[in-house]
C-alpha cells in the first residue's frame, strides 16, 4: 500500500493519511472513513471541527483552509500548514444543526450561512438560516419568514469566514485596505455576501485571491488571465502586512 499514493485504501479498509500539501511528510495514522482523514488533515492546520459535520461539508471547509494557507505561503515562503497556524493558532469550526438568526432577514432571499465574529477562535457554520423564502399563493409570490436549509459548505465560504477572522486578528487592517483603495465589488467572481460593507468586501476579495492561487486555470477558466488586476495589486502590496499583523496579535 505504501508504494502507492496514500489516497488509496489498504485491504483492511483503512485510509493511510498524507499531509494536505504534496511536500509534507506522511503519517501512519489510520482512519476507517474519509471524514476521519479530513479531520486529521484539518488538525495539521490547527483546525478542530466540532459538531455533526457531514463528509461533504467537511471537504468544502478543508479545501478552503488549504487554499488560504497556500495564499499565506505565497507571501511569506513558509510551509502552508505553518503559515496558516502562525496566523490563526488553534481555531474551531463549529457545526450548528440549528438556524442562524439572519440580521438581514427582511431582505428577500437573504441567508446566513456562517458567522466569524463570535470569537476569533471559533467560526460557526449553520445547517439552516432564519430568513425570507418565496412562497406561491394564488399565483403570486409572497415571502414567508422561517427556517431555510443552507447549501453545502464550500471552499469559498470557508475562505470568506476565515478572512473575517484575519481582519480581526490584524486589527481590522483588511477593512482599512478596502477604504484605502476604495475597493468595490467590481471584478469579483465568487462573492459570498451582498453587503457593501468594508469587512464583507475584504472577505470576498480574499476569496478571489485564494481561489486564484490555489486552483489551476483549466479548472476555473475565468481565471485564465489572472484575477482582476486592480485587486491583485492591492493584495500584493498589502496582504503581507495584514498577515504579519495577525501573527503579531497572537
Protein backbone atom coordinates (compact mmCIF):
# COMPACT_ATOMS: atom_id res chain seq x y z
CA UNK A 1 0.00 0.00 0.00
CA UNK A 2 2.76 2.47 0.94
CA UNK A 3 4.30 2.22 -2.52
CA UNK A 4 1.13 3.83 -3.89
CA UNK A 5 -0.28 7.32 -3.41
CA UNK A 6 -1.80 7.41 0.04
CA UNK A 7 -5.23 8.39 -1.17
CA UNK A 8 -5.79 4.67 -1.81
CA UNK A 9 -7.02 2.27 0.86
CA UNK A 10 -5.32 -0.87 2.08
CA UNK A 11 -7.05 -4.29 2.03
CA UNK A 12 -8.21 -3.82 5.64
CA UNK A 13 -10.32 -0.86 4.57
CA UNK A 14 -8.20 1.69 6.43
CA UNK A 15 -7.12 5.02 4.98
CA UNK A 16 -3.46 5.93 5.40
CA UNK A 17 -3.19 9.69 5.63
CA UNK A 18 -0.87 12.00 3.75
CA UNK A 19 -0.26 15.61 4.60
CA UNK A 20 -2.57 18.13 2.92
CA UNK A 21 0.35 19.51 0.87
CA UNK A 22 2.29 17.27 -1.52
CA UNK A 23 5.67 18.16 0.00
CA UNK A 24 4.69 17.29 3.56
CA UNK A 25 5.61 14.15 5.45
CA UNK A 26 3.16 11.30 5.59
CA UNK A 27 1.87 9.66 8.74
CA UNK A 28 0.99 6.14 9.74
CA UNK A 29 -2.22 7.30 11.40
CA UNK A 30 -5.03 5.14 10.06
CA UNK A 31 -8.67 6.05 9.53
CA UNK A 32 -11.74 4.00 8.76
CA UNK A 33 -13.52 6.66 6.68
CA UNK A 34 -12.95 9.85 4.71
CA UNK A 35 -14.35 12.06 7.46
CA UNK A 36 -11.58 10.86 9.77
CA UNK A 37 -9.00 11.67 7.07
CA UNK A 38 -10.39 15.18 6.61
CA UNK A 39 -10.44 15.82 10.35
CA UNK A 40 -6.87 14.66 10.67
CA UNK A 41 -5.71 16.86 7.79
CA UNK A 42 -7.51 19.87 9.26
CA UNK A 43 -5.69 19.32 12.54
CA UNK A 44 -2.40 19.71 10.65
CA UNK A 45 -3.51 23.31 10.03
CA UNK A 46 -4.59 23.76 13.67
CA UNK A 47 -8.30 23.44 12.85
CA UNK A 48 -10.67 21.40 15.03
CA UNK A 49 -14.04 20.51 13.52
CA UNK A 50 -16.69 20.04 16.18
CA UNK A 51 -20.33 19.07 15.85
CA UNK A 52 -22.24 16.96 13.34
CA UNK A 53 -20.21 17.67 10.19
CA UNK A 54 -21.03 15.69 7.06
CA UNK A 55 -18.18 14.46 4.88
CA UNK A 56 -19.26 16.79 2.04
CA UNK A 57 -19.33 19.88 4.26
CA UNK A 58 -16.04 18.96 5.89
CA UNK A 59 -14.39 18.53 2.49
CA UNK A 60 -15.51 22.01 1.43
CA UNK A 61 -14.16 23.51 4.65
CA UNK A 62 -10.83 21.70 4.27
CA UNK A 63 -10.41 22.89 0.68
CA UNK A 64 -10.97 26.46 1.84
CA UNK A 65 -8.35 26.12 4.57
CA UNK A 66 -5.91 24.63 2.09
CA UNK A 67 -6.43 27.41 -0.44
CA UNK A 68 -5.99 30.18 2.12
CA UNK A 69 -2.93 28.51 3.62
CA UNK A 70 -1.41 28.32 0.15
CA UNK A 71 -2.06 32.03 -0.26
CA UNK A 72 -0.30 32.86 3.01
CA UNK A 73 2.61 30.64 2.00
CA UNK A 74 2.98 32.53 -1.28
CA UNK A 75 3.53 35.75 0.68
CA UNK A 76 5.93 34.60 3.40
CA UNK A 77 7.57 31.46 1.99
CA UNK A 78 6.60 29.22 4.90
CA UNK A 79 5.12 25.75 4.50
CA UNK A 80 1.39 26.16 4.01
CA UNK A 81 0.34 24.43 7.23
CA UNK A 82 2.77 26.50 9.29
CA UNK A 83 1.79 29.73 7.53
CA UNK A 84 -1.83 29.05 8.44
CA UNK A 85 -1.10 28.10 12.06
CA UNK A 86 1.10 31.16 12.54
CA UNK A 87 -1.87 33.36 11.68
CA UNK A 88 -4.72 31.52 13.39
CA UNK A 89 -3.08 29.38 16.05
CA UNK A 90 -5.82 26.94 17.01
CA UNK A 91 -9.24 27.60 15.52
CA UNK A 92 -12.53 25.73 15.84
CA UNK A 93 -15.04 25.09 13.06
CA UNK A 94 -18.28 24.54 14.96
CA UNK A 95 -21.16 22.90 13.11
CA UNK A 96 -24.60 24.09 14.27
CA UNK A 97 -27.64 21.98 13.41
CA UNK A 98 -29.99 24.87 14.18
CA UNK A 99 -30.80 28.04 12.22
CA UNK A 100 -28.71 31.19 12.13
CA UNK A 101 -30.86 34.18 13.03
CA UNK A 102 -30.18 36.29 9.97
CA UNK A 103 -29.95 40.00 10.78
CA UNK A 104 -30.77 40.73 7.15
CA UNK A 105 -33.88 38.58 7.27
CA UNK A 106 -36.11 41.28 5.89
CA UNK A 107 -34.18 41.18 2.64
CA UNK A 108 -36.00 38.63 0.42
CA UNK A 109 -33.79 35.67 -0.29
CA UNK A 110 -31.06 36.66 2.16
CA UNK A 111 -29.39 33.88 4.13
CA UNK A 112 -26.93 33.40 6.96
CA UNK A 113 -24.53 30.52 6.34
CA UNK A 114 -21.83 31.14 8.95
CA UNK A 115 -20.52 33.70 11.40
CA UNK A 116 -16.99 34.50 12.47
CA UNK A 117 -17.46 37.42 14.86
CA UNK A 118 -18.43 35.46 17.98
CA UNK A 119 -14.76 34.90 18.76
CA UNK A 120 -11.53 34.98 16.72
CA UNK A 121 -11.04 31.36 17.77
CA UNK A 122 -14.38 29.97 16.54
CA UNK A 123 -16.32 30.02 13.28
CA UNK A 124 -19.86 28.65 13.34
CA UNK A 125 -21.32 27.02 10.24
CA UNK A 126 -25.09 26.69 10.20
CA UNK A 127 -27.34 24.00 8.76
CA UNK A 128 -30.19 26.48 8.29
CA UNK A 129 -30.97 30.19 8.17
CA UNK A 130 -33.79 32.24 9.55
CA UNK A 131 -34.91 34.36 6.63
CA UNK A 132 -37.49 35.04 3.99
CA UNK A 133 -38.17 32.38 1.37
CA UNK A 134 -40.58 32.69 -1.56
CA UNK A 135 -44.00 31.08 -1.24
CA UNK A 136 -46.53 30.95 -4.09
CA UNK A 137 -50.07 31.86 -3.05
CA UNK A 138 -52.78 32.08 -5.72
CA UNK A 139 -50.14 32.55 -8.38
CA UNK A 140 -48.40 35.37 -6.54
CA UNK A 141 -45.07 35.29 -4.70
CA UNK A 142 -45.01 36.26 -1.05
CA UNK A 143 -42.06 35.92 1.30
CA UNK A 144 -42.51 33.88 4.41
CA UNK A 145 -40.10 34.20 7.33
CA UNK A 146 -38.85 30.90 8.71
CA UNK A 147 -36.10 28.30 8.57
CA UNK A 148 -34.33 27.84 5.23
CA UNK A 149 -31.93 24.92 4.63
CA UNK A 150 -28.45 26.17 3.76
CA UNK A 151 -26.45 24.78 0.80
CA UNK A 152 -23.33 22.65 1.49
CA UNK A 153 -20.23 24.37 2.83
CA UNK A 154 -17.89 25.41 0.01
CA UNK A 155 -14.23 26.37 -0.04
CA UNK A 156 -15.36 29.90 -0.90
CA UNK A 157 -17.49 30.17 2.25
CA UNK A 158 -14.69 28.85 4.46
CA UNK A 159 -12.20 31.34 2.97
CA UNK A 160 -14.68 34.19 3.39
CA UNK A 161 -15.26 33.44 7.07
CA UNK A 162 -11.57 32.85 7.78
CA UNK A 163 -10.87 36.22 6.17
CA UNK A 164 -13.17 37.88 8.69
CA UNK A 165 -11.03 36.33 11.43
CA UNK A 166 -7.86 37.50 9.64
CA UNK A 167 -9.32 41.00 9.61
CA UNK A 168 -9.98 40.85 13.36
CA UNK A 169 -6.55 39.45 14.18
CA UNK A 170 -4.83 42.14 12.12
CA UNK A 171 -6.63 44.96 13.93
CA UNK A 172 -9.06 45.36 11.01
CA UNK A 173 -6.32 46.19 8.53
CA UNK A 174 -8.37 44.35 5.90
CA UNK A 175 -11.19 46.85 6.25
CA UNK A 176 -8.64 49.66 6.18
CA UNK A 177 -7.32 48.28 2.88
CA UNK A 178 -10.80 48.49 1.35
CA UNK A 179 -11.10 52.10 2.49
CA UNK A 180 -7.56 52.97 1.37
CA UNK A 181 -8.14 51.89 -2.21
CA UNK A 182 -11.89 52.45 -2.31
CA UNK A 183 -12.43 48.85 -3.41
CA UNK A 184 -15.90 47.82 -4.53
CA UNK A 185 -17.29 44.58 -5.91
CA UNK A 186 -16.17 45.25 -9.49
CA UNK A 187 -14.40 42.21 -10.90
CA UNK A 188 -15.31 39.85 -8.06
CA UNK A 189 -16.45 36.43 -9.29
CA UNK A 190 -17.03 34.45 -6.11
CA UNK A 191 -18.80 36.85 -3.75
CA UNK A 192 -20.21 35.25 -0.61
CA UNK A 193 -22.00 38.36 0.65
CA UNK A 194 -24.22 41.03 -0.86
CA UNK A 195 -23.33 43.59 1.81
CA UNK A 196 -21.27 46.55 0.64
CA UNK A 197 -19.52 46.96 3.98
CA UNK A 198 -15.74 47.17 4.18
CA UNK A 199 -15.46 43.91 6.12
CA UNK A 200 -17.59 41.93 3.65
CA UNK A 201 -15.81 43.31 0.61
CA UNK A 202 -12.41 42.46 2.12
CA UNK A 203 -13.53 38.88 2.82
CA UNK A 204 -14.74 38.48 -0.77
CA UNK A 205 -11.52 39.96 -2.17
CA UNK A 206 -9.65 37.33 -0.17
CA UNK A 207 -11.78 34.61 -1.77
CA UNK A 208 -10.67 35.87 -5.18
CA UNK A 209 -7.00 35.85 -4.16
CA UNK A 210 -7.10 32.39 -2.58
CA UNK A 211 -9.00 30.83 -5.49
CA UNK A 212 -6.52 32.34 -7.95
CA UNK A 213 -3.53 30.94 -6.10
CA UNK A 214 -4.90 27.53 -5.20
CA UNK A 215 -6.55 26.31 -8.40
CA UNK A 216 -5.23 25.93 -11.96
CA UNK A 217 -6.77 27.96 -14.80
CA UNK A 218 -8.12 24.85 -16.53
CA UNK A 219 -10.35 24.19 -13.51
CA UNK A 220 -11.52 27.80 -13.24
CA UNK A 221 -11.35 29.17 -16.81
CA UNK A 222 -12.47 32.65 -15.73
CA UNK A 223 -9.00 32.99 -14.23
CA UNK A 224 -7.07 32.03 -17.36
CA UNK A 225 -5.77 35.60 -17.49
CA UNK A 226 -5.50 36.05 -13.74
CA UNK A 227 -7.78 37.72 -11.24
CA UNK A 228 -8.93 41.28 -11.59
CA UNK A 229 -5.58 43.02 -11.88
CA UNK A 230 -6.51 46.00 -9.72
CA UNK A 231 -7.49 43.76 -6.82
CA UNK A 232 -4.38 41.66 -7.27
CA UNK A 233 -2.13 44.73 -6.92
CA UNK A 234 -3.85 45.73 -3.69
CA UNK A 235 -3.27 42.32 -2.20
CA UNK A 236 0.31 42.05 -3.41
CA UNK A 237 1.26 45.33 -1.77
CA UNK A 238 -0.78 45.00 1.43
CA UNK A 239 -1.66 41.40 2.24
CA UNK A 240 1.82 40.62 3.56
CA UNK A 241 1.41 43.39 6.14
CA UNK A 242 -2.02 42.09 7.14
CA UNK A 243 -0.64 38.56 7.62
CA UNK A 244 2.27 39.87 9.71
CA UNK A 245 -0.05 41.95 11.89
CA UNK A 246 -2.26 38.90 12.52
CA UNK A 247 0.77 36.85 13.53
CA UNK A 248 1.81 39.58 15.96
CA UNK A 249 -1.66 39.60 17.54
CA UNK A 250 -1.20 36.01 18.57
